[in-house]
């Protein structure tokens, strides 16, 4: 079973604590790459599953199993801690080292040779890891979250279940940019290199991205995250949460900036530009409803409108030393 068609991967999902270290993407969990993608970086993870016709530009290191689907190419070594599965016409320019069993298809090329400590079987392998992701995806789609959790825990052999790195079909990943046509989600405590291009982007907390963010729809920059570049969306809303820093310009349809955020460049909004202070955010989170009489409620709404107007006026102070531009079109 290969990763042909649209497959179960519907977004770029970068799990928490993912880092890019010397041209390698390093994750604690599994890695799943959709078909016909290009990954110019090396890949290091627990279990690694690479789809059909994927090109990997550096070494692959898997603590557990490794699956390379048909017509894959790896420009480097492949080091596998447990079992390896290589489909037909896979090319590895370096050396293949497998601690467990090796299932290998027809017309596979390993230029510097291979070594396996377990059984070596020449056939067209059917990998367990791909079946696992497909079944798990179907359970989540039908809302069977409890069954999905039980399956994940059973396959993890009692270990902590960690979120995988999911790369959708036709993605392009390199030091310069991460380009996908799907939504993109970044967890917490990540350190990434390259510009991020996606349909929509949500970046979690305490991340550092050495590049810009650009999306067709909404973009969210989480608390205490640093973006070393611009944040741009064509028609969506850009949200910059408290403690976040954008070391560049921000351009959006609507712009929402939380108190404590810092934007060093120019702010451009074609629609509404809003500053949310801590008191206002707390009331939104708690869902507090006022029980005051109508006259008092009207007075409270007037005060809130005045406060919002004042907040909008002071947005340029939050964005200093940049400037604020708004185009009400």
C-alpha atoms as a PDB file:
ATOM      1  CA  UNK A   1       0.000   0.000   0.000  1.00  0.00           C
ATOM      2  CA  UNK A   2       1.583   3.271  -1.093  1.00  0.00           C
ATOM      3  CA  UNK A   3       0.857   6.922  -0.438  1.00  0.00           C
ATOM      4  CA  UNK A   4      -0.743   7.561  -3.828  1.00  0.00           C
ATOM      5  CA  UNK A   5      -3.628   9.963  -4.370  1.00  0.00           C
ATOM      6  CA  UNK A   6      -4.599  12.649  -1.904  1.00  0.00           C
ATOM      7  CA  UNK A   7      -3.834  10.330   1.017  1.00  0.00           C
ATOM      8  CA  UNK A   8      -4.524  10.895   4.692  1.00  0.00           C
ATOM      9  CA  UNK A   9      -2.298  13.992   4.998  1.00  0.00           C
ATOM     10  CA  UNK A  10      -4.397  17.139   4.697  1.00  0.00           C
ATOM     11  CA  UNK A  11      -2.024  19.684   6.235  1.00  0.00           C
ATOM     12  CA  UNK A  12       1.573  20.410   7.084  1.00  0.00           C
ATOM     13  CA  UNK A  13       1.796  19.574  10.782  1.00  0.00           C
ATOM     14  CA  UNK A  14       5.067  20.372  12.553  1.00  0.00           C
ATOM     15  CA  UNK A  15       4.994  18.918  16.080  1.00  0.00           C
ATOM     16  CA  UNK A  16       6.250  20.667  19.197  1.00  0.00           C
ATOM     17  CA  UNK A  17      10.021  20.804  19.834  1.00  0.00           C
ATOM     18  CA  UNK A  18      10.891  20.277  16.160  1.00  0.00           C
ATOM     19  CA  UNK A  19      14.243  21.797  15.202  1.00  0.00           C
ATOM     20  CA  UNK A  20      16.320  22.262  12.080  1.00  0.00           C
ATOM     21  CA  UNK A  21      19.917  21.373  12.902  1.00  0.00           C
ATOM     22  CA  UNK A  22      22.665  21.650  10.264  1.00  0.00           C
ATOM     23  CA  UNK A  23      20.407  20.853   7.315  1.00  0.00           C
ATOM     24  CA  UNK A  24      18.414  18.157   9.169  1.00  0.00           C
ATOM     25  CA  UNK A  25      14.812  18.227  10.371  1.00  0.00           C
ATOM     26  CA  UNK A  26      14.845  16.660  13.833  1.00  0.00           C
ATOM     27  CA  UNK A  27      11.632  15.441  15.532  1.00  0.00           C
ATOM     28  CA  UNK A  28      10.970  13.268  18.595  1.00  0.00           C
ATOM     29  CA  UNK A  29       8.076  11.420  16.960  1.00  0.00           C
ATOM     30  CA  UNK A  30       7.380   9.836  13.586  1.00  0.00           C
ATOM     31  CA  UNK A  31       7.812  11.407  10.145  1.00  0.00           C
ATOM     32  CA  UNK A  32       5.363  10.887   7.268  1.00  0.00           C
ATOM     33  CA  UNK A  33       6.000  12.516   3.877  1.00  0.00           C
ATOM     34  CA  UNK A  34       3.351  12.480   1.143  1.00  0.00           C
ATOM     35  CA  UNK A  35       4.051  11.449  -2.441  1.00  0.00           C
ATOM     36  CA  UNK A  36       5.894  13.549  -5.042  1.00  0.00           C
ATOM     37  CA  UNK A  37       7.365  15.876  -2.443  1.00  0.00           C
ATOM     38  CA  UNK A  38      10.880  17.333  -2.359  1.00  0.00           C
ATOM     39  CA  UNK A  39      12.724  17.474   0.957  1.00  0.00           C
ATOM     40  CA  UNK A  40      16.129  19.092   0.519  1.00  0.00           C
ATOM     41  CA  UNK A  41      16.936  18.556   4.202  1.00  0.00           C
ATOM     42  CA  UNK A  42      17.887  15.377   6.044  1.00  0.00           C
ATOM     43  CA  UNK A  43      15.285  13.680   8.215  1.00  0.00           C
ATOM     44  CA  UNK A  44      15.739  12.350  11.755  1.00  0.00           C
ATOM     45  CA  UNK A  45      12.857  10.825  13.707  1.00  0.00           C
ATOM     46  CA  UNK A  46      11.472   7.726  15.380  1.00  0.00           C
ATOM     47  CA  UNK A  47       9.687   5.964  12.468  1.00  0.00           C
ATOM     48  CA  UNK A  48      10.132   7.461   8.992  1.00  0.00           C
ATOM     49  CA  UNK A  49       7.710   6.785   6.106  1.00  0.00           C
ATOM     50  CA  UNK A  50       8.452   8.396   2.741  1.00  0.00           C
ATOM     51  CA  UNK A  51       5.810   8.379  -0.021  1.00  0.00           C
ATOM     52  CA  UNK A  52       6.035   7.610  -3.710  1.00  0.00           C
ATOM     53  CA  UNK A  53       8.506   9.587  -5.883  1.00  0.00           C
ATOM     54  CA  UNK A  54       9.827  11.674  -3.006  1.00  0.00           C
ATOM     55  CA  UNK A  55      13.314  13.128  -3.203  1.00  0.00           C
ATOM     56  CA  UNK A  56      15.268  13.512   0.063  1.00  0.00           C
ATOM     57  CA  UNK A  57      18.395  15.646  -0.241  1.00  0.00           C
ATOM     58  CA  UNK A  58      20.377  14.351   2.753  1.00  0.00           C
ATOM     59  CA  UNK A  59      20.656  11.482   5.244  1.00  0.00           C
ATOM     60  CA  UNK A  60      17.696   9.675   6.829  1.00  0.00           C
ATOM     61  CA  UNK A  61      18.032   8.466  10.422  1.00  0.00           C
ATOM     62  CA  UNK A  62      15.189   6.442  11.951  1.00  0.00           C
ATOM     63  CA  UNK A  63      15.265   5.149  15.532  1.00  0.00           C
ATOM     64  CA  UNK A  64      12.552   2.644  14.657  1.00  0.00           C
ATOM     65  CA  UNK A  65      11.343   1.511  11.218  1.00  0.00           C
ATOM     66  CA  UNK A  66      11.957   3.236   7.889  1.00  0.00           C
ATOM     67  CA  UNK A  67       9.770   2.957   4.785  1.00  0.00           C
ATOM     68  CA  UNK A  68      10.786   4.247   1.335  1.00  0.00           C
ATOM     69  CA  UNK A  69       8.032   3.906  -1.253  1.00  0.00           C
ATOM     70  CA  UNK A  70       8.532   3.241  -4.982  1.00  0.00           C
ATOM     71  CA  UNK A  71      10.756   5.540  -7.053  1.00  0.00           C
ATOM     72  CA  UNK A  72      12.100   7.383  -3.976  1.00  0.00           C
ATOM     73  CA  UNK A  73      15.619   8.800  -4.044  1.00  0.00           C
ATOM     74  CA  UNK A  74      17.849   9.600  -1.068  1.00  0.00           C
ATOM     75  CA  UNK A  75      20.974  11.670  -1.655  1.00  0.00           C
ATOM     76  CA  UNK A  76      22.848  10.331   1.358  1.00  0.00           C
ATOM     77  CA  UNK A  77      22.897   7.467   3.855  1.00  0.00           C
ATOM     78  CA  UNK A  78      19.920   5.654   5.395  1.00  0.00           C
ATOM     79  CA  UNK A  79      20.413   4.524   9.011  1.00  0.00           C
ATOM     80  CA  UNK A  80      17.617   2.418  10.538  1.00  0.00           C
ATOM     81  CA  UNK A  81      17.386   1.333  14.181  1.00  0.00           C
ATOM     82  CA  UNK A  82      14.884  -1.478  13.551  1.00  0.00           C
ATOM     83  CA  UNK A  83      13.344  -2.761  10.274  1.00  0.00           C
ATOM     84  CA  UNK A  84      13.534  -1.194   6.805  1.00  0.00           C
ATOM     85  CA  UNK A  85      11.168  -1.451   3.831  1.00  0.00           C
ATOM     86  CA  UNK A  86      12.334  -0.329   0.367  1.00  0.00           C
ATOM     87  CA  UNK A  87       9.912  -0.355  -2.554  1.00  0.00           C
ATOM     88  CA  UNK A  88      10.671  -0.867  -6.227  1.00  0.00           C
ATOM     89  CA  UNK A  89      13.277   1.325  -7.967  1.00  0.00           C
ATOM     90  CA  UNK A  90      14.390   3.168  -4.835  1.00  0.00           C
ATOM     91  CA  UNK A  91      17.798   4.848  -5.128  1.00  0.00           C
ATOM     92  CA  UNK A  92      20.146   5.514  -2.192  1.00  0.00           C
ATOM     93  CA  UNK A  93      23.388   7.264  -3.138  1.00  0.00           C
ATOM     94  CA  UNK A  94      25.046   6.462   0.191  1.00  0.00           C
ATOM     95  CA  UNK A  95      25.040   3.414   2.451  1.00  0.00           C
ATOM     96  CA  UNK A  96      22.063   1.532   3.904  1.00  0.00           C
ATOM     97  CA  UNK A  97      22.523   0.310   7.493  1.00  0.00           C
ATOM     98  CA  UNK A  98      19.680  -1.669   9.113  1.00  0.00           C
ATOM     99  CA  UNK A  99      19.756  -3.045  12.654  1.00  0.00           C
ATOM    100  CA  UNK A 100      16.757  -5.323  12.074  1.00  0.00           C
ATOM    101  CA  UNK A 101      15.155  -6.991   9.048  1.00  0.00           C
ATOM    102  CA  UNK A 102      15.278  -5.630   5.498  1.00  0.00           C
ATOM    103  CA  UNK A 103      12.437  -6.000   2.971  1.00  0.00           C
ATOM    104  CA  UNK A 104      13.586  -4.807  -0.427  1.00  0.00           C
ATOM    105  CA  UNK A 105      11.781  -4.524  -3.763  1.00  0.00           C
ATOM    106  CA  UNK A 106      12.971  -5.008  -7.339  1.00  0.00           C
ATOM    107  CA  UNK A 107      15.539  -2.765  -9.082  1.00  0.00           C
ATOM    108  CA  UNK A 108      16.696  -1.042  -5.889  1.00  0.00           C
ATOM    109  CA  UNK A 109      20.027   0.785  -6.097  1.00  0.00           C
ATOM    110  CA  UNK A 110      22.227   1.300  -3.025  1.00  0.00           C
ATOM    111  CA  UNK A 111      25.445   2.768  -4.392  1.00  0.00           C
ATOM    112  CA  UNK A 112      27.698   2.217  -1.360  1.00  0.00           C
ATOM    113  CA  UNK A 113      26.245  -1.120  -0.289  1.00  0.00           C
ATOM    114  CA  UNK A 114      23.986  -2.215   2.548  1.00  0.00           C
ATOM    115  CA  UNK A 115      24.102  -4.185   5.765  1.00  0.00           C
ATOM    116  CA  UNK A 116      21.278  -5.754   7.784  1.00  0.00           C
ATOM    117  CA  UNK A 117      21.577  -7.657  11.066  1.00  0.00           C
ATOM    118  CA  UNK A 118      18.287  -9.508  10.538  1.00  0.00           C
ATOM    119  CA  UNK A 119      16.549 -11.263   7.666  1.00  0.00           C
ATOM    120  CA  UNK A 120      16.875  -9.895   4.135  1.00  0.00           C
ATOM    121  CA  UNK A 121      13.846 -10.516   1.900  1.00  0.00           C
ATOM    122  CA  UNK A 122      13.674  -9.417  -1.746  1.00  0.00           C
ATOM    123  CA  UNK A 123      10.051  -8.647  -2.615  1.00  0.00           C
ATOM    124  CA  UNK A 124       7.572  -5.764  -2.806  1.00  0.00           C
ATOM    125  CA  UNK A 125       7.042  -4.999   0.891  1.00  0.00           C
ATOM    126  CA  UNK A 126       3.777  -3.933   2.498  1.00  0.00           C
ATOM    127  CA  UNK A 127       4.750  -1.612   5.384  1.00  0.00           C
ATOM    128  CA  UNK A 128       2.971  -1.671   8.723  1.00  0.00           C
ATOM    129  CA  UNK A 129       3.681   2.016   9.368  1.00  0.00           C
ATOM    130  CA  UNK A 130       1.658   3.218   6.348  1.00  0.00           C
ATOM    131  CA  UNK A 131      -1.287   1.001   7.289  1.00  0.00           C
ATOM    132  CA  UNK A 132      -1.119   2.445  10.820  1.00  0.00           C
ATOM    133  CA  UNK A 133      -1.390   6.047   9.608  1.00  0.00           C
ATOM    134  CA  UNK A 134      -4.254   5.292   7.216  1.00  0.00           C
ATOM    135  CA  UNK A 135      -6.323   3.435   9.842  1.00  0.00           C
ATOM    136  CA  UNK A 136      -5.613   6.137  12.423  1.00  0.00           C
ATOM    137  CA  UNK A 137      -6.686   8.847   9.977  1.00  0.00           C
ATOM    138  CA  UNK A 138      -9.963   7.077   9.188  1.00  0.00           C
ATOM    139  CA  UNK A 139     -10.763   6.675  12.898  1.00  0.00           C
ATOM    140  CA  UNK A 140     -10.223  10.382  13.451  1.00  0.00           C
ATOM    141  CA  UNK A 141     -12.365  11.295  10.444  1.00  0.00           C
ATOM    142  CA  UNK A 142     -15.381   9.379  11.780  1.00  0.00           C
ATOM    143  CA  UNK A 143     -14.909  10.823  15.255  1.00  0.00           C
ATOM    144  CA  UNK A 144     -13.661   7.660  16.988  1.00  0.00           C
ATOM    145  CA  UNK A 145     -11.049   9.516  19.036  1.00  0.00           C
ATOM    146  CA  UNK A 146     -11.003   6.971  21.880  1.00  0.00           C
ATOM    147  CA  UNK A 147     -10.329   4.097  19.464  1.00  0.00           C
ATOM    148  CA  UNK A 148      -7.620   6.163  17.760  1.00  0.00           C
ATOM    149  CA  UNK A 149      -5.917   6.817  21.101  1.00  0.00           C
ATOM    150  CA  UNK A 150      -6.012   3.115  21.988  1.00  0.00           C
ATOM    151  CA  UNK A 151      -4.532   2.158  18.602  1.00  0.00           C
ATOM    152  CA  UNK A 152      -1.747   4.725  18.900  1.00  0.00           C
ATOM    153  CA  UNK A 153      -0.849   3.605  22.423  1.00  0.00           C
ATOM    154  CA  UNK A 154      -0.817  -0.065  21.416  1.00  0.00           C
ATOM    155  CA  UNK A 155       1.447   0.546  18.422  1.00  0.00           C
ATOM    156  CA  UNK A 156       3.756   2.686  20.542  1.00  0.00           C
ATOM    157  CA  UNK A 157       4.457  -0.328  22.802  1.00  0.00           C
ATOM    158  CA  UNK A 158       3.530   1.618  25.907  1.00  0.00           C
ATOM    159  CA  UNK A 159       5.746   4.601  25.107  1.00  0.00           C
ATOM    160  CA  UNK A 160       4.449   8.139  25.206  1.00  0.00           C
ATOM    161  CA  UNK A 161       2.490   8.917  22.032  1.00  0.00           C
ATOM    162  CA  UNK A 162       4.136  11.849  20.290  1.00  0.00           C
ATOM    163  CA  UNK A 163       2.686  13.882  17.439  1.00  0.00           C
ATOM    164  CA  UNK A 164       4.243  13.049  14.043  1.00  0.00           C
ATOM    165  CA  UNK A 165       5.681  15.401  11.451  1.00  0.00           C
ATOM    166  CA  UNK A 166       3.196  15.315   8.560  1.00  0.00           C
ATOM    167  CA  UNK A 167       4.255  16.625   5.140  1.00  0.00           C
ATOM    168  CA  UNK A 168       1.462  16.711   2.513  1.00  0.00           C
ATOM    169  CA  UNK A 169       1.701  15.621  -1.097  1.00  0.00           C
ATOM    170  CA  UNK A 170       3.701  17.841  -3.524  1.00  0.00           C
ATOM    171  CA  UNK A 171       5.377  19.775  -0.710  1.00  0.00           C
ATOM    172  CA  UNK A 172       8.729  21.505  -1.140  1.00  0.00           C
ATOM    173  CA  UNK A 173      10.954  21.783   1.936  1.00  0.00           C
ATOM    174  CA  UNK A 174      14.414  23.327   2.028  1.00  0.00           C
ATOM    175  CA  UNK A 175      16.577  25.766   3.984  1.00  0.00           C
ATOM    176  CA  UNK A 176      14.971  28.597   2.007  1.00  0.00           C
ATOM    177  CA  UNK A 177      11.277  27.749   2.259  1.00  0.00           C
ATOM    178  CA  UNK A 178       8.576  25.297   3.348  1.00  0.00           C
ATOM    179  CA  UNK A 179       5.962  25.406   0.552  1.00  0.00           C
ATOM    180  CA  UNK A 180       2.635  23.549   0.724  1.00  0.00           C
ATOM    181  CA  UNK A 181      -0.821  24.073  -0.780  1.00  0.00           C
ATOM    182  CA  UNK A 182      -2.577  23.004   2.427  1.00  0.00           C
ATOM    183  CA  UNK A 183      -2.956  24.623   5.872  1.00  0.00           C
ATOM    184  CA  UNK A 184       0.153  24.567   8.073  1.00  0.00           C
ATOM    185  CA  UNK A 185       0.364  24.177  11.843  1.00  0.00           C
ATOM    186  CA  UNK A 186       3.477  24.615  13.983  1.00  0.00           C
ATOM    187  CA  UNK A 187       3.496  23.335  17.568  1.00  0.00           C
ATOM    188  CA  UNK A 188       5.313  24.886  20.528  1.00  0.00           C
ATOM    189  CA  UNK A 189       9.023  25.335  21.282  1.00  0.00           C
ATOM    190  CA  UNK A 190      10.156  24.829  17.662  1.00  0.00           C
ATOM    191  CA  UNK A 191      13.157  26.334  15.886  1.00  0.00           C
ATOM    192  CA  UNK A 192      12.721  26.486  12.113  1.00  0.00           C
ATOM    193  CA  UNK A 193      14.671  27.901   9.179  1.00  0.00           C
ATOM    194  CA  UNK A 194      13.026  29.057   5.955  1.00  0.00           C
ATOM    195  CA  UNK A 195       9.987  30.991   4.795  1.00  0.00           C
ATOM    196  CA  UNK A 196       6.649  29.278   5.402  1.00  0.00           C
ATOM    197  CA  UNK A 197       4.103  29.345   2.543  1.00  0.00           C
ATOM    198  CA  UNK A 198       0.694  27.714   3.001  1.00  0.00           C
ATOM    199  CA  UNK A 199      -3.059  28.161   2.598  1.00  0.00           C
ATOM    200  CA  UNK A 200      -3.290  29.216   6.263  1.00  0.00           C
ATOM    201  CA  UNK A 201      -0.736  29.240   9.065  1.00  0.00           C
ATOM    202  CA  UNK A 202      -0.989  28.796  12.813  1.00  0.00           C
ATOM    203  CA  UNK A 203       2.235  29.053  14.818  1.00  0.00           C
ATOM    204  CA  UNK A 204       2.149  27.980  18.464  1.00  0.00           C
ATOM    205  CA  UNK A 205       3.935  29.426  21.472  1.00  0.00           C
ATOM    206  CA  UNK A 206       7.641  30.010  22.178  1.00  0.00           C
ATOM    207  CA  UNK A 207       8.775  29.283  18.631  1.00  0.00           C
ATOM    208  CA  UNK A 208      11.535  30.944  16.628  1.00  0.00           C
ATOM    209  CA  UNK A 209      11.139  31.062  12.854  1.00  0.00           C
ATOM    210  CA  UNK A 210      14.030  32.399  10.791  1.00  0.00           C
ATOM    211  CA  UNK A 211      11.899  33.398   7.834  1.00  0.00           C
ATOM    212  CA  UNK A 212       8.626  34.998   6.836  1.00  0.00           C
ATOM    213  CA  UNK A 213       5.029  33.738   6.951  1.00  0.00           C
ATOM    214  CA  UNK A 214       2.748  34.054   3.936  1.00  0.00           C
ATOM    215  CA  UNK A 215      -0.728  32.578   3.463  1.00  0.00           C
ATOM    216  CA  UNK A 216      -3.891  33.063   1.428  1.00  0.00           C
ATOM    217  CA  UNK A 217      -6.066  32.896   4.539  1.00  0.00           C
ATOM    218  CA  UNK A 218      -5.580  33.505   8.290  1.00  0.00           C
ATOM    219  CA  UNK A 219      -2.194  33.667  10.024  1.00  0.00           C
ATOM    220  CA  UNK A 220      -1.792  33.355  13.814  1.00  0.00           C
ATOM    221  CA  UNK A 221       1.465  34.026  15.660  1.00  0.00           C
ATOM    222  CA  UNK A 222       1.370  32.486  19.131  1.00  0.00           C
ATOM    223  CA  UNK A 223       2.519  33.993  22.409  1.00  0.00           C
ATOM    224  CA  UNK A 224       6.266  34.523  22.930  1.00  0.00           C
ATOM    225  CA  UNK A 225       7.045  33.483  19.345  1.00  0.00           C
ATOM    226  CA  UNK A 226       9.683  35.323  17.312  1.00  0.00           C
ATOM    227  CA  UNK A 227       9.313  35.688  13.529  1.00  0.00           C
ATOM    228  CA  UNK A 228      12.466  36.904  11.762  1.00  0.00           C
ATOM    229  CA  UNK A 229      10.615  38.217   8.716  1.00  0.00           C
ATOM    230  CA  UNK A 230       7.345  39.562   7.363  1.00  0.00           C
ATOM    231  CA  UNK A 231       3.848  38.212   8.051  1.00  0.00           C
ATOM    232  CA  UNK A 232       1.504  38.484   5.064  1.00  0.00           C
ATOM    233  CA  UNK A 233      -1.932  37.222   4.078  1.00  0.00           C
ATOM    234  CA  UNK A 234      -3.901  38.028   0.944  1.00  0.00           C
ATOM    235  CA  UNK A 235      -7.355  38.399   2.433  1.00  0.00           C
ATOM    236  CA  UNK A 236      -7.412  36.752   5.839  1.00  0.00           C
ATOM    237  CA  UNK A 237      -6.809  37.933   9.393  1.00  0.00           C
ATOM    238  CA  UNK A 238      -3.392  38.197  10.981  1.00  0.00           C
ATOM    239  CA  UNK A 239      -3.419  37.670  14.765  1.00  0.00           C
ATOM    240  CA  UNK A 240      -0.322  38.473  16.826  1.00  0.00           C
ATOM    241  CA  UNK A 241      -0.695  37.255  20.406  1.00  0.00           C
ATOM    242  CA  UNK A 242       0.776  38.700  23.588  1.00  0.00           C
ATOM    243  CA  UNK A 243       4.561  38.487  23.866  1.00  0.00           C
ATOM    244  CA  UNK A 244       5.062  37.650  20.195  1.00  0.00           C
ATOM    245  CA  UNK A 245       7.667  39.557  18.174  1.00  0.00           C
ATOM    246  CA  UNK A 246       7.547  40.127  14.421  1.00  0.00           C
ATOM    247  CA  UNK A 247      10.845  41.508  13.127  1.00  0.00           C
ATOM    248  CA  UNK A 248       9.339  42.714   9.872  1.00  0.00           C
ATOM    249  CA  UNK A 249       6.203  44.107   8.241  1.00  0.00           C
ATOM    250  CA  UNK A 250       2.653  42.825   8.727  1.00  0.00           C
ATOM    251  CA  UNK A 251       0.114  43.008   5.897  1.00  0.00           C
ATOM    252  CA  UNK A 252      -3.421  41.627   6.211  1.00  0.00           C
ATOM    253  CA  UNK A 253      -7.086  42.018   5.432  1.00  0.00           C
ATOM    254  CA  UNK A 254      -7.881  42.411   9.151  1.00  0.00           C
ATOM    255  CA  UNK A 255      -5.266  42.799  11.873  1.00  0.00           C
ATOM    256  CA  UNK A 256      -5.595  41.783  15.544  1.00  0.00           C
ATOM    257  CA  UNK A 257      -2.715  42.624  17.903  1.00  0.00           C
ATOM    258  CA  UNK A 258      -2.782  41.619  21.560  1.00  0.00           C
ATOM    259  CA  UNK A 259      -1.330  43.835  24.263  1.00  0.00           C
ATOM    260  CA  UNK A 260       2.346  43.028  24.797  1.00  0.00           C
ATOM    261  CA  UNK A 261       3.075  42.032  21.192  1.00  0.00           C
ATOM    262  CA  UNK A 262       5.875  43.776  19.322  1.00  0.00           C
ATOM    263  CA  UNK A 263       5.968  44.502  15.594  1.00  0.00           C
ATOM    264  CA  UNK A 264       9.059  46.308  14.375  1.00  0.00           C
ATOM    265  CA  UNK A 265       7.947  46.980  10.818  1.00  0.00           C
ATOM    266  CA  UNK A 266       4.983  48.577   9.075  1.00  0.00           C
ATOM    267  CA  UNK A 267       1.389  47.490   9.742  1.00  0.00           C
ATOM    268  CA  UNK A 268      -0.974  47.433   6.745  1.00  0.00           C
ATOM    269  CA  UNK A 269      -4.627  46.429   7.019  1.00  0.00           C
ATOM    270  CA  UNK A 270      -7.211  46.696   4.241  1.00  0.00           C
ATOM    271  CA  UNK A 271     -10.006  46.177   6.743  1.00  0.00           C
ATOM    272  CA  UNK A 272     -10.228  46.416  10.540  1.00  0.00           C
ATOM    273  CA  UNK A 273      -7.207  47.002  12.764  1.00  0.00           C
ATOM    274  CA  UNK A 274      -7.721  46.152  16.436  1.00  0.00           C
ATOM    275  CA  UNK A 275      -5.635  46.155  19.622  1.00  0.00           C
ATOM    276  CA  UNK A 276      -6.876  43.815  22.368  1.00  0.00           C
ATOM    277  CA  UNK A 277      -5.785  44.624  25.904  1.00  0.00           C
ATOM    278  CA  UNK A 278      -5.431  42.096  28.731  1.00  0.00           C
ATOM    279  CA  UNK A 279      -8.699  43.049  30.498  1.00  0.00           C
ATOM    280  CA  UNK A 280     -10.666  42.670  27.282  1.00  0.00           C
ATOM    281  CA  UNK A 281      -9.010  39.324  26.493  1.00  0.00           C
ATOM    282  CA  UNK A 282      -9.762  37.984  29.983  1.00  0.00           C
ATOM    283  CA  UNK A 283     -13.432  38.864  29.622  1.00  0.00           C
ATOM    284  CA  UNK A 284     -13.528  37.092  26.249  1.00  0.00           C
ATOM    285  CA  UNK A 285     -11.908  33.939  27.646  1.00  0.00           C
ATOM    286  CA  UNK A 286     -14.151  33.773  30.724  1.00  0.00           C
ATOM    287  CA  UNK A 287     -17.332  34.487  28.767  1.00  0.00           C
ATOM    288  CA  UNK A 288     -18.556  36.881  31.453  1.00  0.00           C
ATOM    289  CA  UNK A 289     -22.068  38.187  30.853  1.00  0.00           C
ATOM    290  CA  UNK A 290     -23.174  41.465  32.371  1.00  0.00           C
ATOM    291  CA  UNK A 291     -26.410  41.616  34.394  1.00  0.00           C
ATOM    292  CA  UNK A 292     -26.533  45.419  34.736  1.00  0.00           C
ATOM    293  CA  UNK A 293     -29.718  47.350  33.775  1.00  0.00           C
ATOM    294  CA  UNK A 294     -30.197  48.574  30.202  1.00  0.00           C
ATOM    295  CA  UNK A 295     -29.038  52.136  30.902  1.00  0.00           C
ATOM    296  CA  UNK A 296     -25.884  50.920  32.659  1.00  0.00           C
ATOM    297  CA  UNK A 297     -25.262  48.421  29.852  1.00  0.00           C
ATOM    298  CA  UNK A 298     -25.529  51.177  27.264  1.00  0.00           C
ATOM    299  CA  UNK A 299     -23.049  53.263  29.228  1.00  0.00           C
ATOM    300  CA  UNK A 300     -20.682  50.260  29.469  1.00  0.00           C
ATOM    301  CA  UNK A 301     -20.883  49.736  25.690  1.00  0.00           C
ATOM    302  CA  UNK A 302     -20.062  53.414  25.128  1.00  0.00           C
ATOM    303  CA  UNK A 303     -17.012  53.130  27.402  1.00  0.00           C
ATOM    304  CA  UNK A 304     -15.895  49.989  25.574  1.00  0.00           C
ATOM    305  CA  UNK A 305     -16.196  51.755  22.228  1.00  0.00           C
ATOM    306  CA  UNK A 306     -14.111  54.661  23.537  1.00  0.00           C
ATOM    307  CA  UNK A 307     -11.504  52.217  24.846  1.00  0.00           C
ATOM    308  CA  UNK A 308     -11.366  50.405  21.498  1.00  0.00           C
ATOM    309  CA  UNK A 309     -10.943  53.694  19.677  1.00  0.00           C
ATOM    310  CA  UNK A 310      -8.110  54.661  22.028  1.00  0.00           C
ATOM    311  CA  UNK A 311      -6.507  51.254  21.527  1.00  0.00           C
ATOM    312  CA  UNK A 312      -6.600  51.690  17.761  1.00  0.00           C
ATOM    313  CA  UNK A 313      -4.948  55.085  18.050  1.00  0.00           C
ATOM    314  CA  UNK A 314      -2.118  53.643  20.162  1.00  0.00           C
ATOM    315  CA  UNK A 315      -1.406  50.701  17.827  1.00  0.00           C
ATOM    316  CA  UNK A 316       1.562  52.567  16.326  1.00  0.00           C
ATOM    317  CA  UNK A 317       3.164  52.572  19.777  1.00  0.00           C
ATOM    318  CA  UNK A 318       2.993  48.780  19.913  1.00  0.00           C
ATOM    319  CA  UNK A 319       4.479  48.544  16.429  1.00  0.00           C
ATOM    320  CA  UNK A 320       7.259  51.070  17.022  1.00  0.00           C
ATOM    321  CA  UNK A 321       9.558  51.899  15.345  1.00  0.00           C
ATOM    322  CA  UNK A 322       7.408  50.986  12.322  1.00  0.00           C
ATOM    323  CA  UNK A 323       4.331  52.761  10.962  1.00  0.00           C
ATOM    324  CA  UNK A 324       0.639  51.937  10.720  1.00  0.00           C
ATOM    325  CA  UNK A 325      -1.308  52.033   7.478  1.00  0.00           C
ATOM    326  CA  UNK A 326      -4.990  51.198   7.061  1.00  0.00           C
ATOM    327  CA  UNK A 327      -6.880  51.043   3.787  1.00  0.00           C
ATOM    328  CA  UNK A 328     -10.659  50.822   4.305  1.00  0.00           C
ATOM    329  CA  UNK A 329     -11.564  49.290   0.990  1.00  0.00           C
END
